[in-house]
Amino acid sequence: MDFPTFVGARKVAPDVTTFAGFFPIGPLGILPANAHFIHAREPILVDTSGVAFREQFIDELTKVIDPEDLKWIYVSHTDLDHIGNLEAVMRLAPNAKIVVPGLGAAKLGLREGFDMSRVQPMDHGQRLDLGDRELVLLKPPTYDAPETTGFFDTRTRVLFSVDSFGALMDAPYEELAAVPEATLRDGMATWSGIDAPWLGMVDKAKFGHLLADIERLDPAAIISGHLPVADRAVTQRLFRNMLGGVATRIAGPDRETIEGLFASPQGVF
């Protein structure tokens, strides 16, 4: 895969449609890049994908819902691969409010001409009422932007982990169960070295407690920005690999690799 590739929209978990794509990251592999839609009484779009996918993403979104019926747009954090099409969706969905962590709201306020009247800041620990369920906002175990906030769906028990449990792949897998164990382990370690390089420096016991808290939620599925959906049968693979990552310092790509990424014609995102 030499260029960003949008796969399309499909149902991946109870009440969840995922808009899936993949970004080639040079010699490091292929990074899944997902946005999601929750089929709630008050429908909510979760992130808005990358600008490279704009036309295809908008086309698929309008097949899933008339944008004028969209009630909420959830912004997990303000990295461009998650908000690349935010303003485009806002124009199509004039009735949708933007749910975003407080620091993320402040960052959006720095964007020229951004309509802050549509923003509803919410942070981990708060609950968003969607009419037939609540989304309990929570801080995922790893992140690269301090405002990052995921959620737990009280009706379906689906957990949105944002960048946590992401992995670089050697092929565009659409099902986590199809990813070989070594590919997943190495891909998660590489992604952690980029997205959460501090993971190799944390106390393993304390980090284990964080993962145990997620495990106690017993999610029916974990949806992520950077991984195919993980149903309950395979989530233990994620916990095991993430905890294993704190045993040794995780190294990010070296300078030569980074320079090679920016020299490639397709860029990074």
Protein backbone atom coordinates (compact mmCIF):
# COMPACT_ATOMS: atom_id res chain seq x y z
CA MET A 1 0.00 0.00 0.00
CA ASP A 2 1.66 3.22 -1.20
CA PHE A 3 -1.07 5.78 -0.60
CA PRO A 4 -3.78 6.47 2.01
CA THR A 5 -6.63 4.06 1.31
CA PHE A 6 -10.23 4.39 2.49
CA VAL A 7 -11.92 1.00 2.84
CA GLY A 8 -15.48 2.10 3.57
CA ALA A 9 -18.18 1.79 6.22
CA ARG A 10 -19.38 -1.41 7.85
CA LYS A 11 -21.09 -2.60 11.01
CA VAL A 12 -18.41 -3.88 13.40
CA ALA A 13 -20.11 -4.11 16.82
CA PRO A 14 -23.58 -3.64 18.34
CA ASP A 15 -24.87 -0.23 17.15
CA VAL A 16 -21.43 0.71 15.75
CA THR A 17 -20.54 1.46 12.14
CA THR A 18 -16.84 2.07 11.48
CA PHE A 19 -15.43 4.20 8.67
CA ALA A 20 -12.12 2.44 8.09
CA GLY A 21 -9.02 3.54 6.25
CA PHE A 22 -5.29 2.92 6.28
CA PHE A 23 -2.28 5.22 6.15
CA PRO A 24 1.07 3.87 4.89
CA ILE A 25 3.82 4.90 7.33
CA GLY A 26 6.86 4.15 5.15
CA PRO A 27 8.91 1.16 6.32
CA LEU A 28 7.10 1.09 9.67
CA GLY A 29 3.95 -0.45 8.20
CA ILE A 30 0.29 0.44 7.69
CA LEU A 31 -1.71 2.34 10.31
CA PRO A 32 -5.47 1.76 10.60
CA ALA A 33 -7.33 5.08 10.76
CA ASN A 34 -10.96 4.84 11.90
CA ALA A 35 -13.91 7.06 12.66
CA HIS A 36 -17.11 5.58 14.08
CA PHE A 37 -20.87 6.13 14.19
CA ILE A 38 -23.08 5.10 17.10
CA HIS A 39 -26.66 4.25 16.11
CA ALA A 40 -28.29 5.79 19.19
CA ARG A 41 -31.63 7.56 19.59
CA GLU A 42 -29.56 10.73 19.37
CA PRO A 43 -27.03 9.67 16.70
CA ILE A 44 -23.38 10.50 17.28
CA LEU A 45 -20.37 10.57 14.96
CA VAL A 46 -17.10 9.69 16.71
CA ASP A 47 -14.21 11.65 15.16
CA THR A 48 -14.23 12.72 11.52
CA SER A 49 -11.34 10.85 9.87
CA GLY A 50 -8.39 12.33 7.98
CA VAL A 51 -8.53 14.91 5.23
CA ALA A 52 -7.04 12.41 2.75
CA PHE A 53 -10.34 10.50 2.94
CA ARG A 54 -12.67 13.51 2.78
CA GLU A 55 -14.77 12.76 -0.30
CA GLN A 56 -15.13 9.04 0.40
CA PHE A 57 -15.77 9.57 4.09
CA ILE A 58 -18.50 12.17 3.50
CA ASP A 59 -20.08 9.95 0.85
CA GLU A 60 -20.18 6.97 3.21
CA LEU A 61 -21.45 9.09 6.11
CA THR A 62 -24.42 10.32 4.07
CA LYS A 63 -25.31 6.71 3.30
CA VAL A 64 -25.41 5.90 7.02
CA ILE A 65 -27.39 8.99 8.10
CA ASP A 66 -28.81 12.20 6.73
CA PRO A 67 -26.31 14.65 8.27
CA GLU A 68 -29.16 16.97 9.27
CA ASP A 69 -30.33 14.22 11.64
CA LEU A 70 -26.94 13.99 13.33
CA LYS A 71 -27.22 15.22 16.94
CA TRP A 72 -23.63 14.94 18.15
CA ILE A 73 -20.07 14.95 16.85
CA TYR A 74 -17.63 13.49 19.36
CA VAL A 75 -14.06 14.81 19.15
CA SER A 76 -11.74 12.54 21.12
CA HIS A 77 -8.77 14.91 20.70
CA THR A 78 -7.58 17.44 18.19
CA ASP A 79 -4.98 15.51 16.17
CA LEU A 80 -5.62 16.08 12.47
CA ASP A 81 -6.13 12.41 11.65
CA HIS A 82 -9.15 12.59 14.00
CA ILE A 83 -10.59 16.00 13.08
CA GLY A 84 -9.51 16.35 9.45
CA ASN A 85 -13.10 16.68 8.24
CA LEU A 86 -14.68 18.33 11.27
CA GLU A 87 -15.64 21.63 9.64
CA ALA A 88 -16.90 19.84 6.52
CA VAL A 89 -19.19 17.66 8.65
CA MET A 90 -20.32 20.66 10.69
CA ARG A 91 -21.48 22.39 7.52
CA LEU A 92 -23.50 19.33 6.50
CA ALA A 93 -24.86 18.75 10.01
CA PRO A 94 -26.08 22.14 11.27
CA ASN A 95 -28.01 20.59 14.18
CA ALA A 96 -25.07 18.67 15.65
CA LYS A 97 -23.30 19.81 18.80
CA ILE A 98 -19.57 19.18 19.18
CA VAL A 99 -18.61 17.18 22.29
CA VAL A 100 -14.93 17.70 23.04
CA PRO A 101 -12.71 17.59 26.14
CA GLY A 102 -12.14 20.97 27.77
CA LEU A 103 -8.53 21.37 26.64
CA GLY A 104 -9.58 20.24 23.17
CA ALA A 105 -12.26 22.94 23.14
CA ALA A 106 -9.57 25.50 23.96
CA LYS A 107 -7.48 24.22 21.06
CA LEU A 108 -10.45 24.42 18.68
CA GLY A 109 -10.90 28.02 19.81
CA LEU A 110 -7.48 28.77 18.30
CA ARG A 111 -8.72 27.79 14.83
CA GLU A 112 -9.64 30.79 12.72
CA GLY A 113 -13.40 31.22 12.35
CA PHE A 114 -14.35 28.10 14.32
CA ASP A 115 -17.97 28.27 15.58
CA MET A 116 -17.49 27.83 19.32
CA SER A 117 -21.23 28.27 19.94
CA ARG A 118 -21.69 24.64 18.87
CA VAL A 119 -19.09 23.27 21.30
CA GLN A 120 -20.05 21.39 24.47
CA PRO A 121 -16.91 20.71 26.56
CA MET A 122 -17.04 17.43 28.49
CA ASP A 123 -14.28 15.53 30.27
CA HIS A 124 -13.67 12.06 31.67
CA GLY A 125 -16.07 11.16 34.45
CA GLN A 126 -18.99 12.95 32.82
CA ARG A 127 -21.89 11.23 31.04
CA LEU A 128 -23.42 12.13 27.69
CA ASP A 129 -27.12 11.19 27.43
CA LEU A 130 -28.03 9.91 23.96
CA GLY A 131 -31.65 9.16 24.80
CA ASP A 132 -31.42 5.37 24.85
CA ARG A 133 -27.99 5.09 26.51
CA GLU A 134 -25.24 7.09 28.14
CA LEU A 135 -21.66 7.42 27.05
CA VAL A 136 -19.46 7.45 30.15
CA LEU A 137 -16.40 9.50 29.29
CA LEU A 138 -13.07 8.10 30.46
CA LYS A 139 -9.36 8.61 30.07
CA PRO A 140 -7.78 5.79 28.03
CA PRO A 141 -4.62 4.13 29.38
CA THR A 142 -2.34 5.69 26.75
CA TYR A 143 -2.54 8.84 24.65
CA ASP A 144 -0.44 11.39 22.82
CA ALA A 145 -2.60 14.48 23.41
CA PRO A 146 -3.43 15.41 27.02
CA GLU A 147 -7.09 16.16 26.26
CA THR A 148 -7.73 12.66 24.91
CA THR A 149 -11.01 11.17 26.14
CA GLY A 150 -12.72 7.91 25.19
CA PHE A 151 -16.01 6.47 26.38
CA PHE A 152 -17.96 3.39 27.47
CA ASP A 153 -21.42 2.80 25.98
CA THR A 154 -23.75 1.73 28.81
CA ARG A 155 -26.21 0.00 26.48
CA THR A 156 -23.90 -2.08 24.27
CA ARG A 157 -20.82 -2.15 26.56
CA VAL A 158 -18.64 -1.04 23.65
CA LEU A 159 -15.47 0.79 24.71
CA PHE A 160 -13.92 3.51 22.53
CA SER A 161 -10.21 3.60 23.39
CA VAL A 162 -9.10 6.38 20.97
CA ASP A 163 -5.36 5.81 20.23
CA SER A 164 -4.89 3.14 22.91
CA PHE A 165 -4.37 -0.41 21.63
CA GLY A 166 -3.37 0.94 18.22
CA ALA A 167 -0.93 -1.00 16.06
CA LEU A 168 1.04 -0.69 12.87
CA MET A 169 0.28 -3.59 10.53
CA ASP A 170 1.91 -5.37 7.64
CA ALA A 171 -1.39 -5.58 5.72
CA PRO A 172 -4.81 -3.85 5.80
CA TYR A 173 -6.56 -6.26 8.17
CA GLU A 174 -10.22 -5.53 8.85
CA GLU A 175 -10.64 -8.09 11.68
CA LEU A 176 -8.32 -8.24 14.67
CA ALA A 177 -8.79 -12.00 14.87
CA ALA A 178 -7.03 -12.27 11.50
CA VAL A 179 -3.88 -10.49 12.68
CA PRO A 180 -1.05 -12.91 13.54
CA GLU A 181 0.04 -12.74 17.18
CA ALA A 182 3.59 -11.61 16.42
CA THR A 183 2.34 -8.95 13.99
CA LEU A 184 -0.02 -7.55 16.61
CA ARG A 185 2.57 -7.62 19.41
CA ASP A 186 5.29 -5.95 17.33
CA GLY A 187 2.82 -3.51 15.75
CA MET A 188 1.50 -2.38 19.12
CA ALA A 189 5.04 -1.91 20.42
CA THR A 190 6.01 0.18 17.39
CA TRP A 191 2.87 2.30 17.64
CA SER A 192 3.41 2.84 21.37
CA GLY A 193 6.95 4.01 20.64
CA ILE A 194 5.48 6.71 18.41
CA ASP A 195 2.23 7.62 20.16
CA ALA A 196 3.09 7.01 23.82
CA PRO A 197 6.89 6.75 24.12
CA TRP A 198 6.60 7.33 27.88
CA LEU A 199 4.95 3.91 28.26
CA GLY A 200 8.32 2.22 28.69
CA MET A 201 9.04 4.41 31.72
CA VAL A 202 5.89 3.88 33.79
CA ASP A 203 5.52 1.67 36.83
CA LYS A 204 4.34 -1.71 35.56
CA ALA A 205 2.18 -2.46 38.61
CA LYS A 206 0.38 0.90 38.48
CA PHE A 207 -0.17 0.58 34.74
CA GLY A 208 -1.47 -2.93 35.30
CA HIS A 209 -4.10 -1.47 37.64
CA LEU A 210 -5.27 0.85 34.84
CA LEU A 211 -5.64 -2.06 32.46
CA ALA A 212 -7.39 -4.09 35.14
CA ASP A 213 -9.96 -1.30 35.51
CA ILE A 214 -10.74 -1.60 31.80
CA GLU A 215 -10.83 -5.37 32.06
CA ARG A 216 -13.38 -5.13 34.88
CA LEU A 217 -15.65 -3.14 32.59
CA ASP A 218 -15.81 -6.35 30.53
CA PRO A 219 -16.34 -4.52 27.23
CA ALA A 220 -18.28 -6.42 24.59
CA ALA A 221 -15.91 -4.88 22.05
CA ILE A 222 -13.13 -2.31 21.90
CA ILE A 223 -13.19 0.14 19.02
CA SER A 224 -10.12 2.27 18.40
CA GLY A 225 -8.86 4.98 16.15
CA HIS A 226 -5.96 2.81 15.03
CA LEU A 227 -6.92 -0.85 15.23
CA PRO A 228 -9.57 -3.14 13.76
CA VAL A 229 -12.44 -3.86 16.16
CA ALA A 230 -11.61 -6.26 19.01
CA ASP A 231 -14.50 -8.31 20.32
CA ARG A 232 -14.53 -9.88 23.78
CA ALA A 233 -12.86 -13.06 22.48
CA VAL A 234 -9.63 -11.26 21.57
CA THR A 235 -9.37 -8.32 24.00
CA GLN A 236 -7.01 -10.28 26.26
CA ARG A 237 -4.44 -10.10 23.46
CA LEU A 238 -4.57 -6.31 23.71
CA PHE A 239 -4.20 -6.21 27.50
CA ARG A 240 -1.32 -8.69 27.42
CA ASN A 241 0.59 -6.82 24.70
CA MET A 242 0.04 -3.42 26.31
CA LEU A 243 1.23 -4.58 29.71
CA GLY A 244 4.22 -6.29 28.13
CA GLY A 245 5.19 -2.98 26.57
CA VAL A 246 6.09 -1.44 29.93
CA ALA A 247 8.64 -4.13 30.74
CA THR A 248 11.31 -2.44 28.63
CA ARG A 249 11.76 1.06 27.28
CA ILE A 250 9.89 1.34 23.98
CA ALA A 251 11.99 3.00 21.33
CA GLY A 252 10.47 5.23 18.68
CA PRO A 253 11.73 5.42 15.10
CA ASP A 254 15.24 6.80 14.65
CA ARG A 255 16.12 10.00 12.82
CA GLU A 256 16.92 8.24 9.55
CA THR A 257 13.52 6.54 9.52
CA ILE A 258 11.70 9.81 10.25
CA GLU A 259 13.54 11.62 7.45
CA GLY A 260 12.61 8.78 5.12
CA LEU A 261 8.93 9.19 5.97
CA PHE A 262 8.89 12.84 5.00
CA ALA A 263 10.86 12.16 1.84
CA SER A 264 8.18 9.77 0.56
CA PRO A 265 5.79 11.28 -2.04
CA GLN A 266 2.62 10.28 -0.16
CA GLY A 267 3.70 11.90 3.12
CA VAL A 268 2.68 10.55 6.50
CA PHE A 269 -1.01 11.52 6.76
